[in-house]
């Protein structure tokens, strides 16, 4: 990142949360959309189908990390 961009980033990080959210929305809208490959579209559809059918086990992050800590110490 350039020094000018770092200076802007430092200023942005000093903003209140609401202002950072607005800045993020504006900057994100200025970028070109991400193009997903057909393989990724198929993977997303497969995962959503697994969730909707109940086949996939969905855990919130807190539960998942607690299980990992218990398992790994």
PDB file of N, CA and C in Angstrom:
ATOM      1  N   UNK A   1       0.862  -1.164   0.000  1.00  0.00           N
ATOM      2  CA  UNK A   1       0.000   0.000   0.000  1.00  0.00           C
ATOM      3  C   UNK A   1       0.908   1.226   0.000  1.00  0.00           C
ATOM      4  N   UNK A   2       0.485   2.248  -0.696  1.00  0.00           N
ATOM      5  CA  UNK A   2       1.296   3.467  -0.763  1.00  0.00           C
ATOM      6  C   UNK A   2       1.220   4.240   0.544  1.00  0.00           C
ATOM      7  N   UNK A   3       2.136   5.169   0.750  1.00  0.00           N
ATOM      8  CA  UNK A   3       2.106   5.974   1.973  1.00  0.00           C
ATOM      9  C   UNK A   3       0.855   6.846   2.009  1.00  0.00           C
ATOM     10  N   UNK A   4       0.402   7.311   0.841  1.00  0.00           N
ATOM     11  CA  UNK A   4      -0.836   8.108   0.791  1.00  0.00           C
ATOM     12  C   UNK A   4      -2.025   7.259   1.230  1.00  0.00           C
ATOM     13  N   UNK A   5      -2.077   6.006   0.759  1.00  0.00           N
ATOM     14  CA  UNK A   5      -3.173   5.114   1.142  1.00  0.00           C
ATOM     15  C   UNK A   5      -3.108   4.794   2.630  1.00  0.00           C
ATOM     16  N   UNK A   6      -1.912   4.588   3.166  1.00  0.00           N
ATOM     17  CA  UNK A   6      -1.765   4.342   4.605  1.00  0.00           C
ATOM     18  C   UNK A   6      -2.247   5.523   5.423  1.00  0.00           C
ATOM     19  N   UNK A   7      -1.978   6.724   4.949  1.00  0.00           N
ATOM     20  CA  UNK A   7      -2.424   7.928   5.657  1.00  0.00           C
ATOM     21  C   UNK A   7      -3.954   8.010   5.661  1.00  0.00           C
ATOM     22  N   UNK A   8      -4.550   7.690   4.519  1.00  0.00           N
ATOM     23  CA  UNK A   8      -6.019   7.679   4.436  1.00  0.00           C
ATOM     24  C   UNK A   8      -6.587   6.601   5.345  1.00  0.00           C
ATOM     25  N   UNK A   9      -5.962   5.432   5.351  1.00  0.00           N
ATOM     26  CA  UNK A   9      -6.413   4.332   6.205  1.00  0.00           C
ATOM     27  C   UNK A   9      -6.353   4.726   7.674  1.00  0.00           C
ATOM     28  N   UNK A  10      -5.258   5.332   8.085  1.00  0.00           N
ATOM     29  CA  UNK A  10      -5.138   5.779   9.484  1.00  0.00           C
ATOM     30  C   UNK A  10      -6.264   6.740   9.841  1.00  0.00           C
ATOM     31  N   UNK A  11      -6.564   7.668   8.943  1.00  0.00           N
ATOM     32  CA  UNK A  11      -7.653   8.614   9.184  1.00  0.00           C
ATOM     33  C   UNK A  11      -9.000   7.917   9.251  1.00  0.00           C
ATOM     34  N   UNK A  12      -9.206   6.954   8.342  1.00  0.00           N
ATOM     35  CA  UNK A  12     -10.471   6.224   8.320  1.00  0.00           C
ATOM     36  C   UNK A  12     -10.662   5.405   9.593  1.00  0.00           C
ATOM     37  N   UNK A  13      -9.600   4.768  10.071  1.00  0.00           N
ATOM     38  CA  UNK A  13      -9.702   3.954  11.285  1.00  0.00           C
ATOM     39  C   UNK A  13      -9.977   4.797  12.525  1.00  0.00           C
ATOM     40  N   UNK A  14      -9.671   6.079  12.456  1.00  0.00           N
ATOM     41  CA  UNK A  14      -9.923   6.969  13.591  1.00  0.00           C
ATOM     42  C   UNK A  14     -11.374   7.454  13.625  1.00  0.00           C
ATOM     43  N   UNK A  15     -12.127   7.193  12.561  1.00  0.00           N
ATOM     44  CA  UNK A  15     -13.526   7.620  12.501  1.00  0.00           C
ATOM     45  C   UNK A  15     -14.404   6.773  13.412  1.00  0.00           C
ATOM     46  N   UNK A  16     -15.545   7.316  13.821  1.00  0.00           N
ATOM     47  CA  UNK A  16     -16.506   6.508  14.579  1.00  0.00           C
ATOM     48  C   UNK A  16     -17.016   5.346  13.711  1.00  0.00           C
ATOM     49  N   UNK A  17     -17.514   4.314  14.347  1.00  0.00           N
ATOM     50  CA  UNK A  17     -17.939   3.100  13.645  1.00  0.00           C
ATOM     51  C   UNK A  17     -18.941   3.401  12.533  1.00  0.00           C
ATOM     52  N   UNK A  18     -19.936   4.227  12.805  1.00  0.00           N
ATOM     53  CA  UNK A  18     -20.961   4.526  11.804  1.00  0.00           C
ATOM     54  C   UNK A  18     -20.349   5.175  10.562  1.00  0.00           C
ATOM     55  N   UNK A  19     -19.409   6.079  10.758  1.00  0.00           N
ATOM     56  CA  UNK A  19     -18.740   6.733   9.628  1.00  0.00           C
ATOM     57  C   UNK A  19     -17.894   5.737   8.845  1.00  0.00           C
ATOM     58  N   UNK A  20     -17.251   4.786   9.546  1.00  0.00           N
ATOM     59  CA  UNK A  20     -16.468   3.752   8.862  1.00  0.00           C
ATOM     60  C   UNK A  20     -17.366   2.853   8.026  1.00  0.00           C
ATOM     61  N   UNK A  21     -18.563   2.541   8.559  1.00  0.00           N
ATOM     62  CA  UNK A  21     -19.516   1.722   7.803  1.00  0.00           C
ATOM     63  C   UNK A  21     -19.943   2.441   6.526  1.00  0.00           C
ATOM     64  N   UNK A  22     -20.233   3.730   6.632  1.00  0.00           N
ATOM     65  CA  UNK A  22     -20.617   4.505   5.452  1.00  0.00           C
ATOM     66  C   UNK A  22     -19.474   4.546   4.440  1.00  0.00           C
ATOM     67  N   UNK A  23     -18.263   4.740   4.921  1.00  0.00           N
ATOM     68  CA  UNK A  23     -17.093   4.776   4.052  1.00  0.00           C
ATOM     69  C   UNK A  23     -16.908   3.425   3.353  1.00  0.00           C
ATOM     70  N   UNK A  24     -17.058   2.354   4.095  1.00  0.00           N
ATOM     71  CA  UNK A  24     -16.936   1.011   3.529  1.00  0.00           C
ATOM     72  C   UNK A  24     -17.971   0.783   2.438  1.00  0.00           C
ATOM     73  N   UNK A  25     -19.195   1.177   2.689  1.00  0.00           N
ATOM     74  CA  UNK A  25     -20.258   1.009   1.700  1.00  0.00           C
ATOM     75  C   UNK A  25     -19.935   1.783   0.424  1.00  0.00           C
ATOM     76  N   UNK A  26     -19.482   3.011   0.585  1.00  0.00           N
ATOM     77  CA  UNK A  26     -19.153   3.840  -0.574  1.00  0.00           C
ATOM     78  C   UNK A  26     -17.973   3.270  -1.355  1.00  0.00           C
ATOM     79  N   UNK A  27     -16.922   2.868  -0.646  1.00  0.00           N
ATOM     80  CA  UNK A  27     -15.760   2.297  -1.323  1.00  0.00           C
ATOM     81  C   UNK A  27     -16.106   0.979  -2.010  1.00  0.00           C
ATOM     82  N   UNK A  28     -16.868   0.139  -1.355  1.00  0.00           N
ATOM     83  CA  UNK A  28     -17.251  -1.151  -1.936  1.00  0.00           C
ATOM     84  C   UNK A  28     -18.066  -0.954  -3.209  1.00  0.00           C
ATOM     85  N   UNK A  29     -18.933   0.034  -3.213  1.00  0.00           N
ATOM     86  CA  UNK A  29     -19.756   0.298  -4.397  1.00  0.00           C
ATOM     87  C   UNK A  29     -18.914   0.774  -5.574  1.00  0.00           C
ATOM     88  N   UNK A  30     -17.721   1.304  -5.291  1.00  0.00           N
ATOM     89  CA  UNK A  30     -16.879   1.818  -6.361  1.00  0.00           C
ATOM     90  C   UNK A  30     -16.045   0.730  -7.035  1.00  0.00           C
ATOM     91  N   UNK A  31     -16.047  -0.480  -6.486  1.00  0.00           N
ATOM     92  CA  UNK A  31     -15.251  -1.577  -7.034  1.00  0.00           C
ATOM     93  C   UNK A  31     -16.066  -2.387  -8.031  1.00  0.00           C
ATOM     94  N   UNK A  32     -15.371  -3.041  -8.948  1.00  0.00           N
ATOM     95  CA  UNK A  32     -16.069  -3.894  -9.904  1.00  0.00           C
ATOM     96  C   UNK A  32     -16.589  -5.132  -9.167  1.00  0.00           C
ATOM     97  N   UNK A  33     -17.731  -5.630  -9.585  1.00  0.00           N
ATOM     98  CA  UNK A  33     -18.294  -6.806  -8.922  1.00  0.00           C
ATOM     99  C   UNK A  33     -17.366  -8.014  -9.084  1.00  0.00           C
ATOM    100  N   UNK A  34     -17.384  -8.873  -8.113  1.00  0.00           N
ATOM    101  CA  UNK A  34     -16.590 -10.102  -8.163  1.00  0.00           C
ATOM    102  C   UNK A  34     -17.341 -11.104  -9.035  1.00  0.00           C
ATOM    103  N   UNK A  35     -16.633 -11.667  -9.992  1.00  0.00           N
ATOM    104  CA  UNK A  35     -17.217 -12.686 -10.869  1.00  0.00           C
ATOM    105  C   UNK A  35     -16.860 -14.063 -10.320  1.00  0.00           C
ATOM    106  N   UNK A  36     -17.871 -14.864 -10.049  1.00  0.00           N
ATOM    107  CA  UNK A  36     -17.644 -16.220  -9.563  1.00  0.00           C
ATOM    108  C   UNK A  36     -17.696 -17.189 -10.732  1.00  0.00           C
ATOM    109  N   UNK A  37     -16.851 -18.193 -10.667  1.00  0.00           N
ATOM    110  CA  UNK A  37     -16.830 -19.219 -11.711  1.00  0.00           C
ATOM    111  C   UNK A  37     -18.066 -20.105 -11.570  1.00  0.00           C
ATOM    112  N   UNK A  38     -18.431 -20.793 -12.636  1.00  0.00           N
ATOM    113  CA  UNK A  38     -19.552 -21.742 -12.535  1.00  0.00           C
ATOM    114  C   UNK A  38     -19.332 -22.789 -11.437  1.00  0.00           C
ATOM    115  N   UNK A  39     -18.087 -23.181 -11.210  1.00  0.00           N
ATOM    116  CA  UNK A  39     -17.801 -24.166 -10.153  1.00  0.00           C
ATOM    117  C   UNK A  39     -18.156 -23.608  -8.779  1.00  0.00           C
ATOM    118  N   UNK A  40     -17.862 -22.327  -8.550  1.00  0.00           N
ATOM    119  CA  UNK A  40     -18.212 -21.722  -7.262  1.00  0.00           C
ATOM    120  C   UNK A  40     -19.719 -21.586  -7.109  1.00  0.00           C
ATOM    121  N   UNK A  41     -20.412 -21.222  -8.181  1.00  0.00           N
ATOM    122  CA  UNK A  41     -21.879 -21.154  -8.120  1.00  0.00           C
ATOM    123  C   UNK A  41     -22.455 -22.516  -7.752  1.00  0.00           C
ATOM    124  N   UNK A  42     -21.912 -23.572  -8.342  1.00  0.00           N
ATOM    125  CA  UNK A  42     -22.376 -24.927  -8.038  1.00  0.00           C
ATOM    126  C   UNK A  42     -22.081 -25.289  -6.584  1.00  0.00           C
ATOM    127  N   UNK A  43     -20.907 -24.913  -6.092  1.00  0.00           N
ATOM    128  CA  UNK A  43     -20.539 -25.214  -4.700  1.00  0.00           C
ATOM    129  C   UNK A  43     -21.454 -24.475  -3.725  1.00  0.00           C
ATOM    130  N   UNK A  44     -21.732 -23.230  -4.014  1.00  0.00           N
ATOM    131  CA  UNK A  44     -22.634 -22.442  -3.155  1.00  0.00           C
ATOM    132  C   UNK A  44     -24.022 -23.083  -3.142  1.00  0.00           C
ATOM    133  N   UNK A  45     -24.522 -23.459  -4.314  1.00  0.00           N
ATOM    134  CA  UNK A  45     -25.843 -24.096  -4.395  1.00  0.00           C
ATOM    135  C   UNK A  45     -25.861 -25.401  -3.613  1.00  0.00           C
ATOM    136  N   UNK A  46     -24.777 -26.185  -3.707  1.00  0.00           N
ATOM    137  CA  UNK A  46     -24.690 -27.461  -2.983  1.00  0.00           C
ATOM    138  C   UNK A  46     -24.723 -27.232  -1.479  1.00  0.00           C
ATOM    139  N   UNK A  47     -23.942 -26.256  -1.015  1.00  0.00           N
ATOM    140  CA  UNK A  47     -23.898 -25.985   0.423  1.00  0.00           C
ATOM    141  C   UNK A  47     -25.235 -25.469   0.942  1.00  0.00           C
ATOM    142  N   UNK A  48     -25.868 -24.576   0.185  1.00  0.00           N
ATOM    143  CA  UNK A  48     -27.187 -24.081   0.607  1.00  0.00           C
ATOM    144  C   UNK A  48     -28.209 -25.208   0.666  1.00  0.00           C
ATOM    145  N   UNK A  49     -28.176 -26.093  -0.320  1.00  0.00           N
ATOM    146  CA  UNK A  49     -29.101 -27.234  -0.321  1.00  0.00           C
ATOM    147  C   UNK A  49     -28.874 -28.113   0.903  1.00  0.00           C
ATOM    148  N   UNK A  50     -27.614 -28.334   1.277  1.00  0.00           N
ATOM    149  CA  UNK A  50     -27.302 -29.140   2.469  1.00  0.00           C
ATOM    150  C   UNK A  50     -27.820 -28.480   3.738  1.00  0.00           C
ATOM    151  N   UNK A  51     -27.700 -27.167   3.817  1.00  0.00           N
ATOM    152  CA  UNK A  51     -28.199 -26.436   4.985  1.00  0.00           C
ATOM    153  C   UNK A  51     -29.714 -26.510   5.033  1.00  0.00           C
ATOM    154  N   UNK A  52     -30.361 -26.224   3.894  1.00  0.00           N
ATOM    155  CA  UNK A  52     -31.826 -26.207   3.847  1.00  0.00           C
ATOM    156  C   UNK A  52     -32.433 -27.578   4.112  1.00  0.00           C
ATOM    157  N   UNK A  53     -31.741 -28.651   3.708  1.00  0.00           N
ATOM    158  CA  UNK A  53     -32.264 -30.004   3.923  1.00  0.00           C
ATOM    159  C   UNK A  53     -32.005 -30.508   5.338  1.00  0.00           C
ATOM    160  N   UNK A  54     -31.151 -29.792   6.081  1.00  0.00           N
ATOM    161  CA  UNK A  54     -30.804 -30.230   7.425  1.00  0.00           C
ATOM    162  C   UNK A  54     -29.639 -31.204   7.451  1.00  0.00           C
ATOM    163  N   UNK A  55     -29.099 -31.525   6.274  1.00  0.00           N
ATOM    164  CA  UNK A  55     -27.964 -32.455   6.198  1.00  0.00           C
ATOM    165  C   UNK A  55     -26.707 -31.855   6.823  1.00  0.00           C
ATOM    166  N   UNK A  56     -26.507 -30.565   6.634  1.00  0.00           N
ATOM    167  CA  UNK A  56     -25.318 -29.890   7.180  1.00  0.00           C
ATOM    168  C   UNK A  56     -25.564 -29.512   8.633  1.00  0.00           C
ATOM    169  N   UNK A  57     -24.540 -29.656   9.445  1.00  0.00           N
ATOM    170  CA  UNK A  57     -24.593 -29.232  10.838  1.00  0.00           C
ATOM    171  C   UNK A  57     -24.017 -27.821  10.895  1.00  0.00           C
ATOM    172  N   UNK A  58     -24.837 -26.865  11.309  1.00  0.00           N
ATOM    173  CA  UNK A  58     -24.417 -25.472  11.348  1.00  0.00           C
ATOM    174  C   UNK A  58     -24.257 -25.053  12.802  1.00  0.00           C
ATOM    175  N   UNK A  59     -23.066 -24.579  13.138  1.00  0.00           N
ATOM    176  CA  UNK A  59     -22.774 -24.135  14.498  1.00  0.00           C
ATOM    177  C   UNK A  59     -22.433 -22.650  14.492  1.00  0.00           C
ATOM    178  N   UNK A  60     -22.801 -21.954  15.555  1.00  0.00           N
ATOM    179  CA  UNK A  60     -22.331 -20.581  15.684  1.00  0.00           C
ATOM    180  C   UNK A  60     -20.852 -20.631  16.070  1.00  0.00           C
ATOM    181  N   UNK A  61     -20.145 -19.557  15.810  1.00  0.00           N
ATOM    182  CA  UNK A  61     -18.691 -19.527  16.024  1.00  0.00           C
ATOM    183  C   UNK A  61     -18.323 -19.826  17.474  1.00  0.00           C
ATOM    184  N   UNK A  62     -19.078 -19.290  18.406  1.00  0.00           N
ATOM    185  CA  UNK A  62     -18.761 -19.487  19.828  1.00  0.00           C
ATOM    186  C   UNK A  62     -18.798 -20.970  20.201  1.00  0.00           C
ATOM    187  N   UNK A  63     -19.825 -21.674  19.750  1.00  0.00           N
ATOM    188  CA  UNK A  63     -19.942 -23.104  20.022  1.00  0.00           C
ATOM    189  C   UNK A  63     -18.811 -23.872  19.350  1.00  0.00           C
ATOM    190  N   UNK A  64     -18.540 -23.531  18.107  1.00  0.00           N
ATOM    191  CA  UNK A  64     -17.483 -24.208  17.357  1.00  0.00           C
ATOM    192  C   UNK A  64     -16.133 -24.044  18.044  1.00  0.00           C
ATOM    193  N   UNK A  65     -15.778 -22.816  18.427  1.00  0.00           N
ATOM    194  CA  UNK A  65     -14.491 -22.578  19.071  1.00  0.00           C
ATOM    195  C   UNK A  65     -14.421 -23.273  20.432  1.00  0.00           C
ATOM    196  N   UNK A  66     -15.516 -23.316  21.156  1.00  0.00           N
ATOM    197  CA  UNK A  66     -15.533 -24.023  22.443  1.00  0.00           C
ATOM    198  C   UNK A  66     -15.270 -25.501  22.240  1.00  0.00           C
ATOM    199  N   UNK A  67     -15.878 -26.093  21.205  1.00  0.00           N
ATOM    200  CA  UNK A  67     -15.632 -27.505  20.918  1.00  0.00           C
ATOM    201  C   UNK A  67     -14.174 -27.741  20.515  1.00  0.00           C
ATOM    202  N   UNK A  68     -13.622 -26.842  19.718  1.00  0.00           N
ATOM    203  CA  UNK A  68     -12.209 -26.967  19.332  1.00  0.00           C
ATOM    204  C   UNK A  68     -11.277 -26.863  20.532  1.00  0.00           C
ATOM    205  N   UNK A  69     -11.556 -25.901  21.424  1.00  0.00           N
ATOM    206  CA  UNK A  69     -10.720 -25.742  22.630  1.00  0.00           C
ATOM    207  C   UNK A  69     -10.789 -26.995  23.482  1.00  0.00           C
ATOM    208  N   UNK A  70     -11.971 -27.568  23.641  1.00  0.00           N
ATOM    209  CA  UNK A  70     -12.117 -28.789  24.444  1.00  0.00           C
ATOM    210  C   UNK A  70     -11.376 -29.953  23.803  1.00  0.00           C
ATOM    211  N   UNK A  71     -11.415 -30.022  22.492  1.00  0.00           N
ATOM    212  CA  UNK A  71     -10.767 -31.116  21.776  1.00  0.00           C
ATOM    213  C   UNK A  71      -9.258 -30.968  21.735  1.00  0.00           C
ATOM    214  N   UNK A  72      -8.779 -29.736  21.511  1.00  0.00           N
ATOM    215  CA  UNK A  72      -7.342 -29.519  21.314  1.00  0.00           C
ATOM    216  C   UNK A  72      -6.613 -29.042  22.567  1.00  0.00           C
ATOM    217  N   UNK A  73      -7.382 -28.677  23.550  1.00  0.00           N
ATOM    218  CA  UNK A  73      -6.758 -28.246  24.799  1.00  0.00           C
ATOM    219  C   UNK A  73      -6.437 -26.835  24.803  1.00  0.00           C
TER     220      UNK A  73
END
